[in-house]
Amino acid sequence: MEKLITRKEAASLLGISLATLDVARNSGLISFVQYVDNGCVYFTEAGLQEYVARCTHRAIPEARRETFRKAKAK
């Protein structure tokens, strides 16, 4: 069985606040384990990695644009 991670530990590992973690959990962006209703919520390492992969976007380089600034007067 995989080690269960508490909300506080998960937020710390992801570098986000508990409130942000709860929003992600309630909106279905991150999977969680809860044994009984109104019980403690836990996360798995695989669930956290899946969340990071889902929220990671590849950077697209912006085409170089010429600037239309006037040169400084000396």
C-alpha atoms as a PDB file:
ATOM      1  CA  MET A   1       0.000   0.000   0.000  1.00  0.00           C
ATOM      2  CA  GLU A   2       1.254   3.444  -0.892  1.00  0.00           C
ATOM      3  CA  LYS A   3       2.098   5.930   1.857  1.00  0.00           C
ATOM      4  CA  LEU A   4      -0.679   8.422   2.529  1.00  0.00           C
ATOM      5  CA  ILE A   5       0.199  12.116   2.650  1.00  0.00           C
ATOM      6  CA  THR A   6      -1.702  14.606   4.813  1.00  0.00           C
ATOM      7  CA  ARG A   7      -3.178  17.844   3.463  1.00  0.00           C
ATOM      8  CA  LYS A   8      -0.476  19.910   5.137  1.00  0.00           C
ATOM      9  CA  GLU A   9       2.337  17.743   3.752  1.00  0.00           C
ATOM     10  CA  ALA A  10       0.778  17.723   0.271  1.00  0.00           C
ATOM     11  CA  ALA A  11       0.430  21.516   0.207  1.00  0.00           C
ATOM     12  CA  SER A  12       4.027  21.876   1.347  1.00  0.00           C
ATOM     13  CA  LEU A  13       5.312  19.428  -1.287  1.00  0.00           C
ATOM     14  CA  LEU A  14       3.379  21.215  -4.049  1.00  0.00           C
ATOM     15  CA  GLY A  15       4.319  24.685  -2.803  1.00  0.00           C
ATOM     16  CA  ILE A  16       0.714  25.836  -2.550  1.00  0.00           C
ATOM     17  CA  SER A  17      -1.565  26.876   0.293  1.00  0.00           C
ATOM     18  CA  LEU A  18      -4.067  24.586   1.987  1.00  0.00           C
ATOM     19  CA  ALA A  19      -6.873  26.675   0.495  1.00  0.00           C
ATOM     20  CA  THR A  20      -5.519  26.167  -3.043  1.00  0.00           C
ATOM     21  CA  LEU A  21      -5.166  22.438  -2.380  1.00  0.00           C
ATOM     22  CA  ASP A  22      -8.770  22.277  -1.168  1.00  0.00           C
ATOM     23  CA  VAL A  23     -10.003  24.113  -4.266  1.00  0.00           C
ATOM     24  CA  ALA A  24      -8.117  21.658  -6.498  1.00  0.00           C
ATOM     25  CA  ARG A  25      -9.565  18.728  -4.540  1.00  0.00           C
ATOM     26  CA  ASN A  26     -13.138  20.044  -4.587  1.00  0.00           C
ATOM     27  CA  SER A  27     -12.976  20.794  -8.321  1.00  0.00           C
ATOM     28  CA  GLY A  28     -11.704  17.299  -9.107  1.00  0.00           C
ATOM     29  CA  LEU A  29      -8.219  18.308 -10.270  1.00  0.00           C
ATOM     30  CA  ILE A  30      -6.446  16.153  -7.706  1.00  0.00           C
ATOM     31  CA  SER A  31      -7.352  12.690  -6.464  1.00  0.00           C
ATOM     32  CA  PHE A  32      -7.629  12.020  -2.743  1.00  0.00           C
ATOM     33  CA  VAL A  33      -8.449   9.316  -0.210  1.00  0.00           C
ATOM     34  CA  GLN A  34     -11.134   9.768   2.440  1.00  0.00           C
ATOM     35  CA  TYR A  35     -12.196   6.698   4.410  1.00  0.00           C
ATOM     36  CA  VAL A  36     -15.356   8.141   5.978  1.00  0.00           C
ATOM     37  CA  ASP A  37     -17.472  11.179   5.194  1.00  0.00           C
ATOM     38  CA  ASN A  38     -16.229  14.221   7.106  1.00  0.00           C
ATOM     39  CA  GLY A  39     -13.048  12.287   7.898  1.00  0.00           C
ATOM     40  CA  CYS A  40      -9.429  13.154   7.257  1.00  0.00           C
ATOM     41  CA  VAL A  41      -8.354  13.648   3.653  1.00  0.00           C
ATOM     42  CA  TYR A  42      -5.134  12.054   2.390  1.00  0.00           C
ATOM     43  CA  PHE A  43      -3.240  12.135  -0.884  1.00  0.00           C
ATOM     44  CA  THR A  44      -0.901   9.684  -2.593  1.00  0.00           C
ATOM     45  CA  GLU A  45       2.402  10.494  -4.259  1.00  0.00           C
ATOM     46  CA  ALA A  46       1.030   9.230  -7.569  1.00  0.00           C
ATOM     47  CA  GLY A  47      -1.982  11.552  -7.224  1.00  0.00           C
ATOM     48  CA  LEU A  48       0.281  14.532  -6.545  1.00  0.00           C
ATOM     49  CA  GLN A  49       2.496  13.701  -9.537  1.00  0.00           C
ATOM     50  CA  GLU A  50      -0.591  13.382 -11.740  1.00  0.00           C
ATOM     51  CA  TYR A  51      -1.807  16.795 -10.546  1.00  0.00           C
ATOM     52  CA  VAL A  52       1.564  18.421 -11.305  1.00  0.00           C
ATOM     53  CA  ALA A  53       1.640  16.825 -14.762  1.00  0.00           C
ATOM     54  CA  ARG A  54      -1.909  18.011 -15.469  1.00  0.00           C
ATOM     55  CA  CYS A  55      -1.130  21.577 -14.378  1.00  0.00           C
ATOM     56  CA  THR A  56       2.215  21.847 -16.163  1.00  0.00           C
ATOM     57  CA  HIS A  57       2.131  23.697 -19.478  1.00  0.00           C
ATOM     58  CA  ARG A  58       4.918  23.720 -22.007  1.00  0.00           C
ATOM     59  CA  ALA A  59       6.319  27.180 -22.671  1.00  0.00           C
ATOM     60  CA  ILE A  60       5.937  28.396 -26.231  1.00  0.00           C
ATOM     61  CA  PRO A  61       8.698  30.780 -27.280  1.00  0.00           C
ATOM     62  CA  GLU A  62       7.392  34.097 -28.430  1.00  0.00           C
ATOM     63  CA  ALA A  63       8.545  35.289 -31.828  1.00  0.00           C
ATOM     64  CA  ARG A  64      10.994  38.146 -31.633  1.00  0.00           C
ATOM     65  CA  ARG A  65       9.333  41.423 -32.347  1.00  0.00           C
ATOM     66  CA  GLU A  66      10.943  44.623 -33.342  1.00  0.00           C
ATOM     67  CA  THR A  67      10.439  47.393 -30.862  1.00  0.00           C
ATOM     68  CA  PHE A  68       9.170  50.715 -32.008  1.00  0.00           C
ATOM     69  CA  ARG A  69      10.799  52.794 -29.316  1.00  0.00           C
ATOM     70  CA  LYS A  70      12.657  55.908 -30.218  1.00  0.00           C
ATOM     71  CA  ALA A  71      16.366  55.886 -29.488  1.00  0.00           C
ATOM     72  CA  LYS A  72      17.480  57.893 -26.470  1.00  0.00           C
ATOM     73  CA  ALA A  73      18.791  61.321 -27.237  1.00  0.00           C
ATOM     74  CA  LYS A  74      22.322  61.881 -25.999  1.00  0.00           C
END
